[in-house]
Amino acid sequence: MFQLILKNSKQTTVALALLASSIAACQSNKVENTRINHKGNSTISRTDTLTYQKLEVKKISQYFSENEGTIDTTFVRVTYPRFEDSTMNELVTETILLEGEESIDQYANNFIEGYGNFIEENEISYNLSWSKITDVDILLNTPQLLTLKNMTYEFSGGAHGNTFELINVYDIENYQKLALNTFISENKMKEFTKIAEKFFREEEGLSDTASLDKAYFFENGKFSLAANYGINKEGLFFHYNQYEIKPYAAGTTTIVVPFDAIQDVLTETGKNYIKQVKEYNHSTQ
C-alpha cells in the first residue's frame, strides 16, 4: 500500500480540493475542519446539580496522505464538559493535561506537531495517519458528588492503538478529589477487597476457588483492586485498563460493587455521601 505524503503548500491546496470532493470516502470526523473548533453542543441541566455544556476541540494535520483516491490525515479531538463554575473547569482540565500542558489547545497541538516532526525527520515511502481521541464524560452528577471519566484512545503507529480510562470522584461543595479511603475504612480495606473479589469473579465467570495465576496479571495470583475507582448510582466501580490485569486481546474489565454489599465497611463520611446519592437518585426517578 502506497500513501503519498503531501508537504508543500501547493500539494496541500490540491489535497484540500481532493478532500472536499471525497468527503464521502473519508472519515467525517477527520476532515470536518482544519483548525481548532470550540463549540457548545446541547446544554445539560439537572435540578440542584452542576450545569454544563459539552465542548469540542479538534485539529488535523497539514500533512495529507493519498491511497487509491482516498485522502487521510492525522487528527486529534477532545470533548469535555464546560461548567458555569470556573473551579470545576480547572478540575476537568487537570484530568486531561497529564503531561504538563498549559491548555487543552496545547494538548491538541502537541500531538499534531509530534506527527509533523515524525514526517519531517524520517524518510518514509508511506505513512500511517495517527489519531488521538479524548472524551471526558460525567458518570455521576449529584448535589455533592461528581464522577468524571477521561477516556483517551491514541494511535501513533505500531500494531494497534491504545485506550485508557482515568476516573476521578469529587466533592463538588469543597472542590476536593476523594480517595477510596474516604468511603472505605482503612482497617476494613481487606474485608472490602474480599467483597470486591466476589463481584470480580462473578463478572469473569469464575468459581470461588478458581486460580487467578494464569489468565491474569495479579501479583502472586492474588486479587487486588484497580487504582481507578468511581461512584455511580449503583455502587463503587473499579476499572482495569488494557494490560493492567489481562493481555491486550482480552480487553478491559470493570466491576461494580453495589452499595448494599458494603454498608459494614463504609466510613461515616462514606455512609453520608452514599445516603445522599441514594436519596438523589430516588428523587429523580
C-alpha atoms as a PDB file:
ATOM      1  CA  MET A   1       0.000   0.000   0.000  1.00  0.00           C
ATOM      2  CA  PHE A   2       1.447   3.356  -1.048  1.00  0.00           C
ATOM      3  CA  GLN A   3       0.404   6.638   0.512  1.00  0.00           C
ATOM      4  CA  LEU A   4       1.647   9.969  -0.827  1.00  0.00           C
ATOM      5  CA  ILE A   5       2.847  12.439   1.819  1.00  0.00           C
ATOM      6  CA  LEU A   6       1.909  15.998   0.822  1.00  0.00           C
ATOM      7  CA  LYS A   7       4.236  18.533   2.411  1.00  0.00           C
ATOM      8  CA  ASN A   8       4.388  21.795   0.481  1.00  0.00           C
ATOM      9  CA  SER A   9       1.660  24.410   0.184  1.00  0.00           C
ATOM     10  CA  LYS A  10       0.790  23.614  -3.432  1.00  0.00           C
ATOM     11  CA  GLN A  11       0.353  19.963  -2.625  1.00  0.00           C
ATOM     12  CA  THR A  12      -1.685  20.840   0.427  1.00  0.00           C
ATOM     13  CA  THR A  13      -4.012  23.031  -1.672  1.00  0.00           C
ATOM     14  CA  VAL A  14      -4.516  20.180  -4.118  1.00  0.00           C
ATOM     15  CA  ALA A  15      -5.109  17.810  -1.237  1.00  0.00           C
ATOM     16  CA  LEU A  16      -7.733  20.080   0.262  1.00  0.00           C
ATOM     17  CA  ALA A  17      -9.546  20.246  -3.051  1.00  0.00           C
ATOM     18  CA  LEU A  18      -9.457  16.486  -3.369  1.00  0.00           C
ATOM     19  CA  LEU A  19     -10.544  16.223   0.203  1.00  0.00           C
ATOM     20  CA  ALA A  20     -13.606  18.353  -0.390  1.00  0.00           C
ATOM     21  CA  SER A  21     -14.619  16.175  -3.328  1.00  0.00           C
ATOM     22  CA  SER A  22     -14.006  12.935  -1.458  1.00  0.00           C
ATOM     23  CA  ILE A  23     -15.768  13.569   1.831  1.00  0.00           C
ATOM     24  CA  ALA A  24     -17.980  10.554   1.389  1.00  0.00           C
ATOM     25  CA  ALA A  25     -14.933   8.334   1.154  1.00  0.00           C
ATOM     26  CA  CYS A  26     -13.154   9.850   4.125  1.00  0.00           C
ATOM     27  CA  GLN A  27     -13.797   9.570   7.795  1.00  0.00           C
ATOM     28  CA  SER A  28     -16.002  12.553   8.504  1.00  0.00           C
ATOM     29  CA  ASN A  29     -14.585  13.125  11.970  1.00  0.00           C
ATOM     30  CA  LYS A  30     -11.128  13.579  10.466  1.00  0.00           C
ATOM     31  CA  VAL A  31     -11.958  16.203   7.853  1.00  0.00           C
ATOM     32  CA  GLU A  32     -14.656  18.287   9.491  1.00  0.00           C
ATOM     33  CA  ASN A  33     -12.395  21.328   9.757  1.00  0.00           C
ATOM     34  CA  THR A  34      -8.748  22.302   9.633  1.00  0.00           C
ATOM     35  CA  ARG A  35      -8.448  24.423  12.720  1.00  0.00           C
ATOM     36  CA  ILE A  36      -9.278  24.144  16.370  1.00  0.00           C
ATOM     37  CA  ASN A  37     -13.007  24.384  16.751  1.00  0.00           C
ATOM     38  CA  HIS A  38     -14.680  25.363  20.021  1.00  0.00           C
ATOM     39  CA  LYS A  39     -18.390  24.775  20.059  1.00  0.00           C
ATOM     40  CA  GLY A  40     -21.013  24.048  22.643  1.00  0.00           C
ATOM     41  CA  ASN A  41     -23.385  21.222  21.912  1.00  0.00           C
ATOM     42  CA  SER A  42     -26.535  20.553  23.948  1.00  0.00           C
ATOM     43  CA  THR A  43     -26.645  22.132  27.384  1.00  0.00           C
ATOM     44  CA  ILE A  44     -27.394  19.580  30.088  1.00  0.00           C
ATOM     45  CA  SER A  45     -29.102  20.775  33.228  1.00  0.00           C
ATOM     46  CA  ARG A  46     -30.218  18.806  36.269  1.00  0.00           C
ATOM     47  CA  THR A  47     -32.066  20.082  39.309  1.00  0.00           C
ATOM     48  CA  ASP A  48     -29.688  21.057  42.125  1.00  0.00           C
ATOM     49  CA  THR A  49     -26.647  19.748  40.222  1.00  0.00           C
ATOM     50  CA  LEU A  50     -23.935  21.351  38.136  1.00  0.00           C
ATOM     51  CA  THR A  51     -24.968  22.724  34.758  1.00  0.00           C
ATOM     52  CA  TYR A  52     -22.578  22.267  31.862  1.00  0.00           C
ATOM     53  CA  GLN A  53     -22.103  22.218  28.121  1.00  0.00           C
ATOM     54  CA  LYS A  54     -20.124  19.669  26.146  1.00  0.00           C
ATOM     55  CA  LEU A  55     -17.385  21.405  24.155  1.00  0.00           C
ATOM     56  CA  GLU A  56     -15.112  20.115  21.418  1.00  0.00           C
ATOM     57  CA  VAL A  57     -11.567  20.963  20.334  1.00  0.00           C
ATOM     58  CA  LYS A  58     -10.473  19.437  17.053  1.00  0.00           C
ATOM     59  CA  LYS A  59      -7.365  19.809  14.920  1.00  0.00           C
ATOM     60  CA  ILE A  60      -5.985  17.986  11.890  1.00  0.00           C
ATOM     61  CA  SER A  61      -2.506  17.806  10.438  1.00  0.00           C
ATOM     62  CA  GLN A  62      -1.396  19.753   7.369  1.00  0.00           C
ATOM     63  CA  TYR A  63       0.189  16.561   6.019  1.00  0.00           C
ATOM     64  CA  PHE A  64      -2.202  14.508   3.935  1.00  0.00           C
ATOM     65  CA  SER A  65      -1.738  11.042   2.524  1.00  0.00           C
ATOM     66  CA  GLU A  66      -3.424   9.511  -0.519  1.00  0.00           C
ATOM     67  CA  ASN A  67      -4.170   5.888  -1.230  1.00  0.00           C
ATOM     68  CA  GLU A  68      -6.242   4.766  -4.213  1.00  0.00           C
ATOM     69  CA  GLY A  69      -8.117   8.072  -4.342  1.00  0.00           C
ATOM     70  CA  THR A  70      -8.790   8.256  -0.609  1.00  0.00           C
ATOM     71  CA  ILE A  71      -7.205  11.088   1.366  1.00  0.00           C
ATOM     72  CA  ASP A  72      -6.498  10.759   5.047  1.00  0.00           C
ATOM     73  CA  THR A  73      -4.655  12.717   7.713  1.00  0.00           C
ATOM     74  CA  THR A  74      -3.757  12.747  11.369  1.00  0.00           C
ATOM     75  CA  PHE A  75      -6.288  14.283  13.760  1.00  0.00           C
ATOM     76  CA  VAL A  76      -6.916  14.927  17.439  1.00  0.00           C
ATOM     77  CA  ARG A  77     -10.310  15.504  19.004  1.00  0.00           C
ATOM     78  CA  VAL A  78     -11.052  16.462  22.619  1.00  0.00           C
ATOM     79  CA  THR A  79     -14.579  16.657  24.040  1.00  0.00           C
ATOM     80  CA  TYR A  80     -15.198  17.751  27.609  1.00  0.00           C
ATOM     81  CA  PRO A  81     -17.798  19.379  29.880  1.00  0.00           C
ATOM     82  CA  ARG A  82     -17.602  23.110  30.486  1.00  0.00           C
ATOM     83  CA  PHE A  83     -19.271  24.234  33.697  1.00  0.00           C
ATOM     84  CA  GLU A  84     -20.520  27.629  34.793  1.00  0.00           C
ATOM     85  CA  ASP A  85     -18.242  27.130  37.808  1.00  0.00           C
ATOM     86  CA  SER A  86     -14.657  28.053  36.850  1.00  0.00           C
ATOM     87  CA  THR A  87     -13.086  25.990  39.640  1.00  0.00           C
ATOM     88  CA  MET A  88     -14.833  22.869  38.366  1.00  0.00           C
ATOM     89  CA  ASN A  89     -13.442  23.643  34.920  1.00  0.00           C
ATOM     90  CA  GLU A  90      -9.944  23.590  36.403  1.00  0.00           C
ATOM     91  CA  LEU A  91     -10.619  20.094  37.751  1.00  0.00           C
ATOM     92  CA  VAL A  92     -11.763  18.977  34.305  1.00  0.00           C
ATOM     93  CA  THR A  93      -8.626  20.249  32.603  1.00  0.00           C
ATOM     94  CA  GLU A  94      -6.492  18.526  35.242  1.00  0.00           C
ATOM     95  CA  THR A  95      -7.948  15.199  34.120  1.00  0.00           C
ATOM     96  CA  ILE A  96      -6.822  15.937  30.535  1.00  0.00           C
ATOM     97  CA  LEU A  97      -3.481  17.722  30.930  1.00  0.00           C
ATOM     98  CA  LEU A  98      -1.469  14.843  32.357  1.00  0.00           C
ATOM     99  CA  GLU A  99       1.920  15.775  30.864  1.00  0.00           C
ATOM    100  CA  GLY A 100       2.287  19.377  31.985  1.00  0.00           C
ATOM    101  CA  GLU A 101       0.427  21.067  29.140  1.00  0.00           C
ATOM    102  CA  GLU A 102      -0.847  24.562  29.890  1.00  0.00           C
ATOM    103  CA  SER A 103      -4.126  24.289  27.991  1.00  0.00           C
ATOM    104  CA  ILE A 104      -6.332  21.934  26.011  1.00  0.00           C
ATOM    105  CA  ASP A 105      -5.260  23.764  22.842  1.00  0.00           C
ATOM    106  CA  GLN A 106      -1.641  22.970  23.626  1.00  0.00           C
ATOM    107  CA  TYR A 107      -2.588  19.364  24.378  1.00  0.00           C
ATOM    108  CA  ALA A 108      -4.085  19.073  20.882  1.00  0.00           C
ATOM    109  CA  ASN A 109      -1.263  20.956  19.185  1.00  0.00           C
ATOM    110  CA  ASN A 110       1.426  18.792  20.773  1.00  0.00           C
ATOM    111  CA  PHE A 111       0.002  15.673  19.162  1.00  0.00           C
ATOM    112  CA  ILE A 112      -0.298  17.293  15.733  1.00  0.00           C
ATOM    113  CA  GLU A 113       3.216  18.750  15.990  1.00  0.00           C
ATOM    114  CA  GLY A 114       4.579  15.376  17.066  1.00  0.00           C
ATOM    115  CA  TYR A 115       3.227  13.826  13.885  1.00  0.00           C
ATOM    116  CA  GLY A 116       4.621  16.682  11.781  1.00  0.00           C
ATOM    117  CA  ASN A 117       8.059  16.204  13.319  1.00  0.00           C
ATOM    118  CA  PHE A 118       7.871  12.484  12.607  1.00  0.00           C
ATOM    119  CA  ILE A 119       7.105  13.165   8.921  1.00  0.00           C
ATOM    120  CA  GLU A 120       9.839  15.799   8.600  1.00  0.00           C
ATOM    121  CA  GLU A 121      12.557  13.817  10.346  1.00  0.00           C
ATOM    122  CA  ASN A 122      12.030  10.420   8.699  1.00  0.00           C
ATOM    123  CA  GLU A 123      12.461   9.338   5.106  1.00  0.00           C
ATOM    124  CA  ILE A 124       9.427   7.145   4.515  1.00  0.00           C
ATOM    125  CA  SER A 125       7.714   5.981   1.349  1.00  0.00           C
ATOM    126  CA  TYR A 126       4.322   5.727   3.008  1.00  0.00           C
ATOM    127  CA  ASN A 127       2.782   6.889   6.250  1.00  0.00           C
ATOM    128  CA  LEU A 128       0.040   5.846   8.574  1.00  0.00           C
ATOM    129  CA  SER A 129      -2.221   8.562   9.883  1.00  0.00           C
ATOM    130  CA  TRP A 130      -2.218   8.989  13.634  1.00  0.00           C
ATOM    131  CA  SER A 131      -5.265   9.715  15.766  1.00  0.00           C
ATOM    132  CA  LYS A 132      -5.998  10.772  19.314  1.00  0.00           C
ATOM    133  CA  ILE A 133      -9.470  10.994  20.812  1.00  0.00           C
ATOM    134  CA  THR A 134     -10.081  12.220  24.347  1.00  0.00           C
ATOM    135  CA  ASP A 135     -13.581  12.322  25.789  1.00  0.00           C
ATOM    136  CA  VAL A 136     -14.281  13.493  29.329  1.00  0.00           C
ATOM    137  CA  ASP A 137     -17.697  12.328  30.423  1.00  0.00           C
ATOM    138  CA  ILE A 138     -19.770  12.748  33.584  1.00  0.00           C
ATOM    139  CA  LEU A 139     -20.822   9.442  35.141  1.00  0.00           C
ATOM    140  CA  LEU A 140     -22.420  10.847  38.296  1.00  0.00           C
ATOM    141  CA  ASN A 141     -23.730  14.351  38.962  1.00  0.00           C
ATOM    142  CA  THR A 142     -25.445  14.883  42.307  1.00  0.00           C
ATOM    143  CA  PRO A 143     -25.549  17.924  44.611  1.00  0.00           C
ATOM    144  CA  GLN A 144     -22.497  16.616  46.494  1.00  0.00           C
ATOM    145  CA  LEU A 145     -20.597  14.211  44.251  1.00  0.00           C
ATOM    146  CA  LEU A 146     -19.307  14.241  40.696  1.00  0.00           C
ATOM    147  CA  THR A 147     -17.610  11.344  38.901  1.00  0.00           C
ATOM    148  CA  LEU A 148     -15.561  12.224  35.815  1.00  0.00           C
ATOM    149  CA  LYS A 149     -14.142   9.736  33.309  1.00  0.00           C
ATOM    150  CA  ASN A 150     -11.379  10.611  30.848  1.00  0.00           C
ATOM    151  CA  MET A 151     -11.360   8.053  28.029  1.00  0.00           C
ATOM    152  CA  THR A 152      -8.423   8.508  25.671  1.00  0.00           C
ATOM    153  CA  TYR A 153      -7.619   6.477  22.568  1.00  0.00           C
ATOM    154  CA  GLU A 154      -4.286   7.038  20.812  1.00  0.00           C
ATOM    155  CA  PHE A 155      -2.737   5.528  17.714  1.00  0.00           C
ATOM    156  CA  SER A 156       0.740   6.727  16.749  1.00  0.00           C
ATOM    157  CA  GLY A 157       1.975   3.783  14.710  1.00  0.00           C
ATOM    158  CA  GLY A 158       2.524   0.181  15.627  1.00  0.00           C
ATOM    159  CA  ALA A 159       0.269  -2.826  15.562  1.00  0.00           C
ATOM    160  CA  HIS A 160      -2.689  -1.146  17.247  1.00  0.00           C
ATOM    161  CA  GLY A 161      -3.840   1.858  19.206  1.00  0.00           C
ATOM    162  CA  ASN A 162      -4.212   2.003  22.967  1.00  0.00           C
ATOM    163  CA  THR A 163      -7.054   3.165  25.174  1.00  0.00           C
ATOM    164  CA  PHE A 164      -7.017   4.164  28.816  1.00  0.00           C
ATOM    165  CA  GLU A 165      -9.648   5.453  31.208  1.00  0.00           C
ATOM    166  CA  LEU A 166      -8.914   7.757  34.133  1.00  0.00           C
ATOM    167  CA  ILE A 167     -11.699   8.107  36.690  1.00  0.00           C
ATOM    168  CA  ASN A 168     -11.965  10.657  39.488  1.00  0.00           C
ATOM    169  CA  VAL A 169     -14.569  11.333  42.187  1.00  0.00           C
ATOM    170  CA  TYR A 170     -15.041  14.862  43.541  1.00  0.00           C
ATOM    171  CA  ASP A 171     -16.832  16.542  46.418  1.00  0.00           C
ATOM    172  CA  ILE A 172     -18.206  19.474  44.450  1.00  0.00           C
ATOM    173  CA  GLU A 173     -19.017  21.542  47.518  1.00  0.00           C
ATOM    174  CA  ASN A 174     -15.348  21.576  48.554  1.00  0.00           C
ATOM    175  CA  TYR A 175     -13.720  21.055  45.114  1.00  0.00           C
ATOM    176  CA  GLN A 176     -11.904  18.066  46.564  1.00  0.00           C
ATOM    177  CA  LYS A 177     -10.862  14.842  44.835  1.00  0.00           C
ATOM    178  CA  LEU A 178     -11.844  11.919  47.025  1.00  0.00           C
ATOM    179  CA  ALA A 179      -9.632   8.896  47.607  1.00  0.00           C
ATOM    180  CA  LEU A 180     -11.102   5.441  48.117  1.00  0.00           C
ATOM    181  CA  ASN A 181     -10.410   5.583  51.856  1.00  0.00           C
ATOM    182  CA  THR A 182     -12.891   8.455  52.062  1.00  0.00           C
ATOM    183  CA  PHE A 183     -15.545   5.774  51.627  1.00  0.00           C
ATOM    184  CA  ILE A 184     -13.896   2.587  52.906  1.00  0.00           C
ATOM    185  CA  SER A 185     -12.322   2.400  56.364  1.00  0.00           C
ATOM    186  CA  GLU A 186      -8.582   1.683  56.220  1.00  0.00           C
ATOM    187  CA  ASN A 187      -8.927  -1.072  58.814  1.00  0.00           C
ATOM    188  CA  LYS A 188     -11.638  -2.702  56.706  1.00  0.00           C
ATOM    189  CA  MET A 189      -9.945  -2.441  53.321  1.00  0.00           C
ATOM    190  CA  LYS A 190      -9.022  -6.158  53.305  1.00  0.00           C
ATOM    191  CA  GLU A 191     -12.626  -7.069  54.011  1.00  0.00           C
ATOM    192  CA  PHE A 192     -13.785  -4.738  51.259  1.00  0.00           C
ATOM    193  CA  THR A 193     -11.262  -6.269  48.842  1.00  0.00           C
ATOM    194  CA  LYS A 194     -12.716  -9.728  49.524  1.00  0.00           C
ATOM    195  CA  ILE A 195     -16.192  -8.384  48.783  1.00  0.00           C
ATOM    196  CA  ALA A 196     -14.944  -6.807  45.547  1.00  0.00           C
ATOM    197  CA  GLU A 197     -13.242 -10.068  44.553  1.00  0.00           C
ATOM    198  CA  LYS A 198     -16.585 -11.843  44.810  1.00  0.00           C
ATOM    199  CA  PHE A 199     -18.061  -9.470  42.230  1.00  0.00           C
ATOM    200  CA  PHE A 200     -14.922  -9.712  40.084  1.00  0.00           C
ATOM    201  CA  ARG A 201     -15.269 -13.496  39.954  1.00  0.00           C
ATOM    202  CA  GLU A 202     -18.953 -13.179  39.079  1.00  0.00           C
ATOM    203  CA  GLU A 203     -18.119 -10.744  36.288  1.00  0.00           C
ATOM    204  CA  GLU A 204     -15.437 -13.068  34.925  1.00  0.00           C
ATOM    205  CA  GLY A 205     -17.476 -16.224  35.338  1.00  0.00           C
ATOM    206  CA  LEU A 206     -15.044 -17.757  37.840  1.00  0.00           C
ATOM    207  CA  SER A 207     -15.746 -20.032  40.764  1.00  0.00           C
ATOM    208  CA  ASP A 208     -14.767 -19.029  44.294  1.00  0.00           C
ATOM    209  CA  THR A 209     -11.696 -21.257  44.130  1.00  0.00           C
ATOM    210  CA  ALA A 210     -10.567 -20.749  40.529  1.00  0.00           C
ATOM    211  CA  SER A 211      -6.902 -19.734  40.238  1.00  0.00           C
ATOM    212  CA  LEU A 212      -6.045 -16.199  39.121  1.00  0.00           C
ATOM    213  CA  ASP A 213      -2.457 -17.151  38.254  1.00  0.00           C
ATOM    214  CA  LYS A 214      -2.501 -17.886  34.528  1.00  0.00           C
ATOM    215  CA  ALA A 215      -5.187 -15.721  32.973  1.00  0.00           C
ATOM    216  CA  TYR A 216      -4.463 -12.540  34.945  1.00  0.00           C
ATOM    217  CA  PHE A 217      -1.504 -10.363  35.907  1.00  0.00           C
ATOM    218  CA  PHE A 218      -2.326 -10.122  39.611  1.00  0.00           C
ATOM    219  CA  GLU A 219       0.832 -10.295  41.716  1.00  0.00           C
ATOM    220  CA  ASN A 220       1.292 -13.811  43.085  1.00  0.00           C
ATOM    221  CA  GLY A 221      -2.146 -14.669  41.727  1.00  0.00           C
ATOM    222  CA  LYS A 222      -3.832 -12.614  44.448  1.00  0.00           C
ATOM    223  CA  PHE A 223      -6.745 -10.337  43.565  1.00  0.00           C
ATOM    224  CA  SER A 224      -6.184  -6.617  44.041  1.00  0.00           C
ATOM    225  CA  LEU A 225      -8.292  -3.531  43.488  1.00  0.00           C
ATOM    226  CA  ALA A 226      -7.798  -1.291  40.481  1.00  0.00           C
ATOM    227  CA  ALA A 227      -6.455   2.141  41.336  1.00  0.00           C
ATOM    228  CA  ASN A 228      -9.144   3.501  39.008  1.00  0.00           C
ATOM    229  CA  TYR A 229     -12.348   3.729  41.020  1.00  0.00           C
ATOM    230  CA  GLY A 230     -15.535   5.698  40.678  1.00  0.00           C
ATOM    231  CA  ILE A 231     -19.059   6.005  42.017  1.00  0.00           C
ATOM    232  CA  ASN A 232     -22.244   5.687  40.011  1.00  0.00           C
ATOM    233  CA  LYS A 233     -25.866   5.299  41.019  1.00  0.00           C
ATOM    234  CA  GLU A 234     -25.398   1.552  41.572  1.00  0.00           C
ATOM    235  CA  GLY A 235     -22.280   1.461  43.723  1.00  0.00           C
ATOM    236  CA  LEU A 236     -18.498   1.758  43.700  1.00  0.00           C
ATOM    237  CA  PHE A 237     -16.908   0.557  40.477  1.00  0.00           C
ATOM    238  CA  PHE A 238     -13.348  -0.334  39.543  1.00  0.00           C
ATOM    239  CA  HIS A 239     -11.887  -0.191  36.049  1.00  0.00           C
ATOM    240  CA  TYR A 240      -8.805  -2.137  34.949  1.00  0.00           C
ATOM    241  CA  ASN A 241      -7.215  -0.660  31.824  1.00  0.00           C
ATOM    242  CA  GLN A 242      -5.580  -2.576  28.985  1.00  0.00           C
ATOM    243  CA  TYR A 243      -2.528  -4.583  30.092  1.00  0.00           C
ATOM    244  CA  GLU A 244      -3.303  -3.928  33.759  1.00  0.00           C
ATOM    245  CA  ILE A 245      -4.546  -7.414  34.632  1.00  0.00           C
ATOM    246  CA  LYS A 246      -5.009  -9.038  31.200  1.00  0.00           C
ATOM    247  CA  PRO A 247      -3.291  -9.220  27.794  1.00  0.00           C
ATOM    248  CA  TYR A 248      -4.306  -6.575  25.249  1.00  0.00           C
ATOM    249  CA  ALA A 249      -6.511  -9.017  23.329  1.00  0.00           C
ATOM    250  CA  ALA A 250      -8.542  -9.737  26.479  1.00  0.00           C
ATOM    251  CA  GLY A 251      -9.612  -6.104  26.763  1.00  0.00           C
ATOM    252  CA  THR A 252     -10.564  -4.134  29.837  1.00  0.00           C
ATOM    253  CA  THR A 253     -12.504  -5.128  32.947  1.00  0.00           C
ATOM    254  CA  THR A 254     -14.971  -3.133  35.031  1.00  0.00           C
ATOM    255  CA  ILE A 255     -16.643  -4.411  38.176  1.00  0.00           C
ATOM    256  CA  VAL A 256     -19.398  -2.783  40.223  1.00  0.00           C
ATOM    257  CA  VAL A 257     -19.647  -3.345  43.979  1.00  0.00           C
ATOM    258  CA  PRO A 258     -23.234  -2.452  44.985  1.00  0.00           C
ATOM    259  CA  PHE A 259     -23.806  -0.059  47.867  1.00  0.00           C
ATOM    260  CA  ASP A 260     -25.891  -2.614  49.743  1.00  0.00           C
ATOM    261  CA  ALA A 261     -22.954  -5.071  49.823  1.00  0.00           C
ATOM    262  CA  ILE A 262     -20.562  -2.692  51.584  1.00  0.00           C
ATOM    263  CA  GLN A 263     -22.541  -0.990  54.348  1.00  0.00           C
ATOM    264  CA  ASP A 264     -20.453  -2.650  57.070  1.00  0.00           C
ATOM    265  CA  VAL A 265     -17.104  -1.411  55.704  1.00  0.00           C
ATOM    266  CA  LEU A 266     -18.031   2.198  54.977  1.00  0.00           C
ATOM    267  CA  THR A 267     -16.686   5.178  56.892  1.00  0.00           C
ATOM    268  CA  GLU A 268     -19.217   7.519  58.441  1.00  0.00           C
ATOM    269  CA  THR A 269     -18.302  10.045  55.759  1.00  0.00           C
ATOM    270  CA  GLY A 270     -18.828   7.407  53.105  1.00  0.00           C
ATOM    271  CA  LYS A 271     -22.219   6.492  54.528  1.00  0.00           C
ATOM    272  CA  ASN A 272     -23.292  10.128  54.375  1.00  0.00           C
ATOM    273  CA  TYR A 273     -22.155  10.520  50.777  1.00  0.00           C
ATOM    274  CA  ILE A 274     -23.865   7.311  49.666  1.00  0.00           C
ATOM    275  CA  LYS A 275     -27.056   8.171  51.539  1.00  0.00           C
ATOM    276  CA  GLN A 276     -27.157  11.413  49.596  1.00  0.00           C
ATOM    277  CA  VAL A 277     -26.592   9.599  46.283  1.00  0.00           C
ATOM    278  CA  LYS A 278     -29.417   7.156  47.010  1.00  0.00           C
ATOM    279  CA  GLU A 279     -31.787   9.951  48.064  1.00  0.00           C
ATOM    280  CA  TYR A 280     -30.960  11.981  44.973  1.00  0.00           C
ATOM    281  CA  ASN A 281     -31.473   9.011  42.649  1.00  0.00           C
ATOM    282  CA  HIS A 282     -34.780   8.222  44.332  1.00  0.00           C
ATOM    283  CA  SER A 283     -35.944  11.839  43.951  1.00  0.00           C
ATOM    284  CA  THR A 284     -35.208  11.858  40.215  1.00  0.00           C
ATOM    285  CA  GLN A 285     -36.927   8.575  39.366  1.00  0.00           C
END
